Amino acid sequence: MLNEKFLTDLENYLKSGQLEEDFKYSSEERRMEILDYLERLMDLAEVADEVATRLIFKNSALGQMFNSNNQK
């Protein structure tokens, strides 16, 4: 499920300015698709952050403390 090449390609596409160039010369419909895609990407980044936090703190004392506080 994890694909390092896809992430590298996406990172390069974003950092290179090519996405901005594509946006600049796209139709209004395509621009909306690009913005929707970026919004979804940002939403997924938030989910990834939550999952990473759970994985990191799952078996730690700090994680246990947060878990018990969330259950109250």
PDB file of N, CA and C in Angstrom:
ATOM      1  N   MET A   1       0.815  -1.196   0.000  1.00  0.00           N
ATOM      2  CA  MET A   1       0.000   0.000   0.000  1.00  0.00           C
ATOM      3  C   MET A   1       0.861   1.264   0.000  1.00  0.00           C
ATOM      4  N   LEU A   2       1.987   1.238   0.666  1.00  0.00           N
ATOM      5  CA  LEU A   2       2.866   2.407   0.676  1.00  0.00           C
ATOM      6  C   LEU A   2       3.711   2.407  -0.590  1.00  0.00           C
ATOM      7  N   ASN A   3       3.783   3.558  -1.241  1.00  0.00           N
ATOM      8  CA  ASN A   3       4.486   3.652  -2.510  1.00  0.00           C
ATOM      9  C   ASN A   3       5.429   4.851  -2.469  1.00  0.00           C
ATOM     10  N   GLU A   4       6.686   4.581  -2.204  1.00  0.00           N
ATOM     11  CA  GLU A   4       7.693   5.633  -2.073  1.00  0.00           C
ATOM     12  C   GLU A   4       7.864   6.418  -3.374  1.00  0.00           C
ATOM     13  N   LYS A   5       7.801   5.742  -4.508  1.00  0.00           N
ATOM     14  CA  LYS A   5       7.970   6.429  -5.795  1.00  0.00           C
ATOM     15  C   LYS A   5       6.865   7.455  -6.011  1.00  0.00           C
ATOM     16  N   PHE A   6       5.628   7.085  -5.696  1.00  0.00           N
ATOM     17  CA  PHE A   6       4.516   8.028  -5.847  1.00  0.00           C
ATOM     18  C   PHE A   6       4.735   9.262  -4.982  1.00  0.00           C
ATOM     19  N   LEU A   7       5.131   9.055  -3.724  1.00  0.00           N
ATOM     20  CA  LEU A   7       5.364  10.195  -2.833  1.00  0.00           C
ATOM     21  C   LEU A   7       6.499  11.079  -3.328  1.00  0.00           C
ATOM     22  N   THR A   8       7.560  10.457  -3.829  1.00  0.00           N
ATOM     23  CA  THR A   8       8.692  11.219  -4.365  1.00  0.00           C
ATOM     24  C   THR A   8       8.269  12.019  -5.591  1.00  0.00           C
ATOM     25  N   ASP A   9       7.525  11.385  -6.478  1.00  0.00           N
ATOM     26  CA  ASP A   9       7.042  12.079  -7.679  1.00  0.00           C
ATOM     27  C   ASP A   9       6.127  13.250  -7.307  1.00  0.00           C
ATOM     28  N   LEU A  10       5.232  13.028  -6.352  1.00  0.00           N
ATOM     29  CA  LEU A  10       4.328  14.087  -5.914  1.00  0.00           C
ATOM     30  C   LEU A  10       5.111  15.232  -5.273  1.00  0.00           C
ATOM     31  N   GLU A  11       6.062  14.892  -4.438  1.00  0.00           N
ATOM     32  CA  GLU A  11       6.901  15.912  -3.804  1.00  0.00           C
ATOM     33  C   GLU A  11       7.635  16.744  -4.858  1.00  0.00           C
ATOM     34  N   ASN A  12       8.224  16.077  -5.821  1.00  0.00           N
ATOM     35  CA  ASN A  12       8.943  16.784  -6.888  1.00  0.00           C
ATOM     36  C   ASN A  12       8.004  17.674  -7.698  1.00  0.00           C
ATOM     37  N   TYR A  13       6.817  17.172  -7.987  1.00  0.00           N
ATOM     38  CA  TYR A  13       5.819  17.933  -8.747  1.00  0.00           C
ATOM     39  C   TYR A  13       5.421  19.207  -8.001  1.00  0.00           C
ATOM     40  N   LEU A  14       5.234  19.076  -6.693  1.00  0.00           N
ATOM     41  CA  LEU A  14       4.845  20.236  -5.900  1.00  0.00           C
ATOM     42  C   LEU A  14       5.994  21.234  -5.754  1.00  0.00           C
ATOM     43  N   LYS A  15       7.186  20.730  -5.466  1.00  0.00           N
ATOM     44  CA  LYS A  15       8.341  21.603  -5.225  1.00  0.00           C
ATOM     45  C   LYS A  15       8.870  22.262  -6.493  1.00  0.00           C
ATOM     46  N   SER A  16       8.698  21.620  -7.623  1.00  0.00           N
ATOM     47  CA  SER A  16       9.257  22.128  -8.881  1.00  0.00           C
ATOM     48  C   SER A  16       8.514  23.348  -9.417  1.00  0.00           C
ATOM     49  N   GLY A  17       7.309  23.560  -8.938  1.00  0.00           N
ATOM     50  CA  GLY A  17       6.493  24.640  -9.470  1.00  0.00           C
ATOM     51  C   GLY A  17       5.635  24.211 -10.650  1.00  0.00           C
ATOM     52  N   GLN A  18       5.773  22.954 -11.051  1.00  0.00           N
ATOM     53  CA  GLN A  18       5.008  22.461 -12.200  1.00  0.00           C
ATOM     54  C   GLN A  18       3.506  22.481 -11.928  1.00  0.00           C
ATOM     55  N   LEU A  19       3.097  22.163 -10.705  1.00  0.00           N
ATOM     56  CA  LEU A  19       1.670  22.201 -10.378  1.00  0.00           C
ATOM     57  C   LEU A  19       1.140  23.623 -10.545  1.00  0.00           C
ATOM     58  N   GLU A  20       1.897  24.594 -10.074  1.00  0.00           N
ATOM     59  CA  GLU A  20       1.477  25.989 -10.220  1.00  0.00           C
ATOM     60  C   GLU A  20       1.401  26.386 -11.693  1.00  0.00           C
ATOM     61  N   GLU A  21       2.343  25.901 -12.469  1.00  0.00           N
ATOM     62  CA  GLU A  21       2.340  26.170 -13.910  1.00  0.00           C
ATOM     63  C   GLU A  21       1.115  25.522 -14.567  1.00  0.00           C
ATOM     64  N   ASP A  22       0.836  24.276 -14.195  1.00  0.00           N
ATOM     65  CA  ASP A  22      -0.343  23.586 -14.731  1.00  0.00           C
ATOM     66  C   ASP A  22      -1.621  24.342 -14.358  1.00  0.00           C
ATOM     67  N   PHE A  23      -1.674  24.794 -13.119  1.00  0.00           N
ATOM     68  CA  PHE A  23      -2.843  25.539 -12.646  1.00  0.00           C
ATOM     69  C   PHE A  23      -3.029  26.819 -13.466  1.00  0.00           C
ATOM     70  N   LYS A  24      -1.937  27.517 -13.687  1.00  0.00           N
ATOM     71  CA  LYS A  24      -1.967  28.797 -14.401  1.00  0.00           C
ATOM     72  C   LYS A  24      -2.571  28.665 -15.800  1.00  0.00           C
ATOM     73  N   TYR A  25      -2.262  27.577 -16.479  1.00  0.00           N
ATOM     74  CA  TYR A  25      -2.698  27.409 -17.870  1.00  0.00           C
ATOM     75  C   TYR A  25      -3.891  26.463 -18.032  1.00  0.00           C
ATOM     76  N   SER A  26      -4.537  26.113 -16.938  1.00  0.00           N
ATOM     77  CA  SER A  26      -5.668  25.183 -16.999  1.00  0.00           C
ATOM     78  C   SER A  26      -6.990  25.921 -17.117  1.00  0.00           C
ATOM     79  N   SER A  27      -7.983  25.166 -17.575  1.00  0.00           N
ATOM     80  CA  SER A  27      -9.351  25.697 -17.609  1.00  0.00           C
ATOM     81  C   SER A  27      -9.857  25.849 -16.177  1.00  0.00           C
ATOM     82  N   GLU A  28     -10.943  26.566 -16.032  1.00  0.00           N
ATOM     83  CA  GLU A  28     -11.522  26.776 -14.699  1.00  0.00           C
ATOM     84  C   GLU A  28     -11.909  25.441 -14.055  1.00  0.00           C
ATOM     85  N   GLU A  29     -12.462  24.539 -14.849  1.00  0.00           N
ATOM     86  CA  GLU A  29     -12.853  23.219 -14.325  1.00  0.00           C
ATOM     87  C   GLU A  29     -11.635  22.456 -13.802  1.00  0.00           C
ATOM     88  N   ARG A  30     -10.567  22.473 -14.560  1.00  0.00           N
ATOM     89  CA  ARG A  30      -9.341  21.774 -14.142  1.00  0.00           C
ATOM     90  C   ARG A  30      -8.736  22.439 -12.908  1.00  0.00           C
ATOM     91  N   ARG A  31      -8.813  23.750 -12.832  1.00  0.00           N
ATOM     92  CA  ARG A  31      -8.305  24.454 -11.648  1.00  0.00           C
ATOM     93  C   ARG A  31      -9.045  24.004 -10.393  1.00  0.00           C
ATOM     94  N   MET A  32     -10.352  23.848 -10.504  1.00  0.00           N
ATOM     95  CA  MET A  32     -11.138  23.381  -9.359  1.00  0.00           C
ATOM     96  C   MET A  32     -10.736  21.962  -8.977  1.00  0.00           C
ATOM     97  N   GLU A  33     -10.476  21.119  -9.959  1.00  0.00           N
ATOM     98  CA  GLU A  33     -10.011  19.758  -9.678  1.00  0.00           C
ATOM     99  C   GLU A  33      -8.682  19.787  -8.930  1.00  0.00           C
ATOM    100  N   ILE A  34      -7.778  20.651  -9.361  1.00  0.00           N
ATOM    101  CA  ILE A  34      -6.471  20.763  -8.708  1.00  0.00           C
ATOM    102  C   ILE A  34      -6.644  21.221  -7.263  1.00  0.00           C
ATOM    103  N   LEU A  35      -7.473  22.235  -7.047  1.00  0.00           N
ATOM    104  CA  LEU A  35      -7.703  22.728  -5.686  1.00  0.00           C
ATOM    105  C   LEU A  35      -8.363  21.668  -4.813  1.00  0.00           C
ATOM    106  N   ASP A  36      -9.314  20.925  -5.368  1.00  0.00           N
ATOM    107  CA  ASP A  36      -9.951  19.832  -4.620  1.00  0.00           C
ATOM    108  C   ASP A  36      -8.930  18.763  -4.252  1.00  0.00           C
ATOM    109  N   TYR A  37      -8.054  18.448  -5.178  1.00  0.00           N
ATOM    110  CA  TYR A  37      -7.012  17.453  -4.935  1.00  0.00           C
ATOM    111  C   TYR A  37      -6.096  17.916  -3.807  1.00  0.00           C
ATOM    112  N   LEU A  38      -5.683  19.170  -3.847  1.00  0.00           N
ATOM    113  CA  LEU A  38      -4.810  19.702  -2.802  1.00  0.00           C
ATOM    114  C   LEU A  38      -5.510  19.724  -1.446  1.00  0.00           C
ATOM    115  N   GLU A  39      -6.798  20.039  -1.445  1.00  0.00           N
ATOM    116  CA  GLU A  39      -7.553  20.027  -0.194  1.00  0.00           C
ATOM    117  C   GLU A  39      -7.612  18.613   0.387  1.00  0.00           C
ATOM    118  N   ARG A  40      -7.851  17.646  -0.469  1.00  0.00           N
ATOM    119  CA  ARG A  40      -7.884  16.252  -0.003  1.00  0.00           C
ATOM    120  C   ARG A  40      -6.513  15.820   0.505  1.00  0.00           C
ATOM    121  N   LEU A  41      -5.461  16.249  -0.182  1.00  0.00           N
ATOM    122  CA  LEU A  41      -4.102  15.931   0.247  1.00  0.00           C
ATOM    123  C   LEU A  41      -3.827  16.501   1.641  1.00  0.00           C
ATOM    124  N   MET A  42      -4.267  17.720   1.893  1.00  0.00           N
ATOM    125  CA  MET A  42      -4.083  18.321   3.215  1.00  0.00           C
ATOM    126  C   MET A  42      -4.894  17.583   4.276  1.00  0.00           C
ATOM    127  N   ASP A  43      -6.105  17.153   3.932  1.00  0.00           N
ATOM    128  CA  ASP A  43      -6.914  16.359   4.861  1.00  0.00           C
ATOM    129  C   ASP A  43      -6.218  15.044   5.193  1.00  0.00           C
ATOM    130  N   LEU A  44      -5.647  14.405   4.172  1.00  0.00           N
ATOM    131  CA  LEU A  44      -4.927  13.150   4.397  1.00  0.00           C
ATOM    132  C   LEU A  44      -3.684  13.362   5.252  1.00  0.00           C
ATOM    133  N   ALA A  45      -3.038  14.506   5.094  1.00  0.00           N
ATOM    134  CA  ALA A  45      -1.863  14.814   5.914  1.00  0.00           C
ATOM    135  C   ALA A  45      -2.251  14.895   7.389  1.00  0.00           C
ATOM    136  N   GLU A  46      -3.416  15.454   7.683  1.00  0.00           N
ATOM    137  CA  GLU A  46      -3.892  15.506   9.063  1.00  0.00           C
ATOM    138  C   GLU A  46      -4.139  14.101   9.605  1.00  0.00           C
ATOM    139  N   VAL A  47      -4.738  13.238   8.797  1.00  0.00           N
ATOM    140  CA  VAL A  47      -4.985  11.852   9.211  1.00  0.00           C
ATOM    141  C   VAL A  47      -3.658  11.136   9.439  1.00  0.00           C
ATOM    142  N   ALA A  48      -2.699  11.331   8.546  1.00  0.00           N
ATOM    143  CA  ALA A  48      -1.377  10.711   8.692  1.00  0.00           C
ATOM    144  C   ALA A  48      -0.715  11.164   9.984  1.00  0.00           C
ATOM    145  N   ASP A  49      -0.856  12.431  10.320  1.00  0.00           N
ATOM    146  CA  ASP A  49      -0.287  12.954  11.562  1.00  0.00           C
ATOM    147  C   ASP A  49      -0.922  12.283  12.778  1.00  0.00           C
ATOM    148  N   GLU A  50      -2.234  12.120  12.753  1.00  0.00           N
ATOM    149  CA  GLU A  50      -2.936  11.457  13.856  1.00  0.00           C
ATOM    150  C   GLU A  50      -2.478  10.013  14.004  1.00  0.00           C
ATOM    151  N   VAL A  51      -2.370   9.301  12.898  1.00  0.00           N
ATOM    152  CA  VAL A  51      -1.942   7.899  12.937  1.00  0.00           C
ATOM    153  C   VAL A  51      -0.505   7.798  13.442  1.00  0.00           C
ATOM    154  N   ALA A  52       0.371   8.651  12.941  1.00  0.00           N
ATOM    155  CA  ALA A  52       1.770   8.631  13.380  1.00  0.00           C
ATOM    156  C   ALA A  52       1.865   8.893  14.877  1.00  0.00           C
ATOM    157  N   THR A  53       1.083   9.828  15.374  1.00  0.00           N
ATOM    158  CA  THR A  53       1.089  10.128  16.806  1.00  0.00           C
ATOM    159  C   THR A  53       0.646   8.916  17.607  1.00  0.00           C
ATOM    160  N   ARG A  54      -0.421   8.252  17.156  1.00  0.00           N
ATOM    161  CA  ARG A  54      -0.881   7.048  17.864  1.00  0.00           C
ATOM    162  C   ARG A  54       0.186   5.962  17.847  1.00  0.00           C
ATOM    163  N   LEU A  55       0.826   5.757  16.707  1.00  0.00           N
ATOM    164  CA  LEU A  55       1.852   4.722  16.600  1.00  0.00           C
ATOM    165  C   LEU A  55       3.040   5.014  17.506  1.00  0.00           C
ATOM    166  N   ILE A  56       3.446   6.265  17.549  1.00  0.00           N
ATOM    167  CA  ILE A  56       4.611   6.653  18.347  1.00  0.00           C
ATOM    168  C   ILE A  56       4.330   6.503  19.832  1.00  0.00           C
ATOM    169  N   PHE A  57       3.151   6.920  20.260  1.00  0.00           N
ATOM    170  CA  PHE A  57       2.864   6.959  21.689  1.00  0.00           C
ATOM    171  C   PHE A  57       2.055   5.772  22.196  1.00  0.00           C
ATOM    172  N   LYS A  58       1.741   4.814  21.332  1.00  0.00           N
ATOM    173  CA  LYS A  58       0.854   3.709  21.688  1.00  0.00           C
ATOM    174  C   LYS A  58       1.281   2.985  22.963  1.00  0.00           C
ATOM    175  N   ASN A  59       2.533   2.604  23.061  1.00  0.00           N
ATOM    176  CA  ASN A  59       2.993   1.817  24.208  1.00  0.00           C
ATOM    177  C   ASN A  59       3.871   2.615  25.160  1.00  0.00           C
ATOM    178  N   SER A  60       3.755   3.922  25.130  1.00  0.00           N
ATOM    179  CA  SER A  60       4.562   4.746  26.027  1.00  0.00           C
ATOM    180  C   SER A  60       3.723   5.204  27.213  1.00  0.00           C
ATOM    181  N   ALA A  61       4.394   5.624  28.267  1.00  0.00           N
ATOM    182  CA  ALA A  61       3.694   6.142  29.437  1.00  0.00           C
ATOM    183  C   ALA A  61       2.896   7.387  29.068  1.00  0.00           C
ATOM    184  N   LEU A  62       3.475   8.228  28.229  1.00  0.00           N
ATOM    185  CA  LEU A  62       2.779   9.433  27.790  1.00  0.00           C
ATOM    186  C   LEU A  62       1.519   9.068  27.009  1.00  0.00           C
ATOM    187  N   GLY A  63       1.618   8.066  26.164  1.00  0.00           N
ATOM    188  CA  GLY A  63       0.460   7.613  25.403  1.00  0.00           C
ATOM    189  C   GLY A  63      -0.623   7.051  26.306  1.00  0.00           C
ATOM    190  N   GLN A  64      -0.233   6.299  27.313  1.00  0.00           N
ATOM    191  CA  GLN A  64      -1.200   5.755  28.262  1.00  0.00           C
ATOM    192  C   GLN A  64      -1.912   6.878  29.010  1.00  0.00           C
ATOM    193  N   MET A  65      -1.151   7.916  29.376  1.00  0.00           N
ATOM    194  CA  MET A  65      -1.729   9.044  30.090  1.00  0.00           C
ATOM    195  C   MET A  65      -2.765   9.760  29.213  1.00  0.00           C
ATOM    196  N   PHE A  66      -2.412  10.015  27.950  1.00  0.00           N
ATOM    197  CA  PHE A  66      -3.350  10.677  27.052  1.00  0.00           C
ATOM    198  C   PHE A  66      -4.578   9.810  26.815  1.00  0.00           C
ATOM    199  N   ASN A  67      -4.382   8.518  26.683  1.00  0.00           N
ATOM    200  CA  ASN A  67      -5.494   7.606  26.449  1.00  0.00           C
ATOM    201  C   ASN A  67      -6.455   7.617  27.628  1.00  0.00           C
ATOM    202  N   SER A  68      -5.933   7.599  28.845  1.00  0.00           N
ATOM    203  CA  SER A  68      -6.807   7.606  30.018  1.00  0.00           C
ATOM    204  C   SER A  68      -7.529   8.941  30.149  1.00  0.00           C
ATOM    205  N   ASN A  69      -6.876  10.042  29.772  1.00  0.00           N
ATOM    206  CA  ASN A  69      -7.530  11.353  29.815  1.00  0.00           C
ATOM    207  C   ASN A  69      -8.641  11.448  28.778  1.00  0.00           C
ATOM    208  N   ASN A  70      -8.458  10.837  27.623  1.00  0.00           N
ATOM    209  CA  ASN A  70      -9.470  10.883  26.565  1.00  0.00           C
ATOM    210  C   ASN A  70     -10.702  10.058  26.914  1.00  0.00           C
ATOM    211  N   GLN A  71     -10.540   9.054  27.752  1.00  0.00           N
ATOM    212  CA  GLN A  71     -11.658   8.191  28.111  1.00  0.00           C
ATOM    213  C   GLN A  71     -12.533   8.803  29.201  1.00  0.00           C
ATOM    214  N   LYS A  72     -12.068   9.843  29.856  1.00  0.00           N
ATOM    215  CA  LYS A  72     -12.844  10.477  30.939  1.00  0.00           C
ATOM    216  C   LYS A  72     -13.906  11.388  30.399  1.00  0.00           C
TER     217      LYS A  72
END
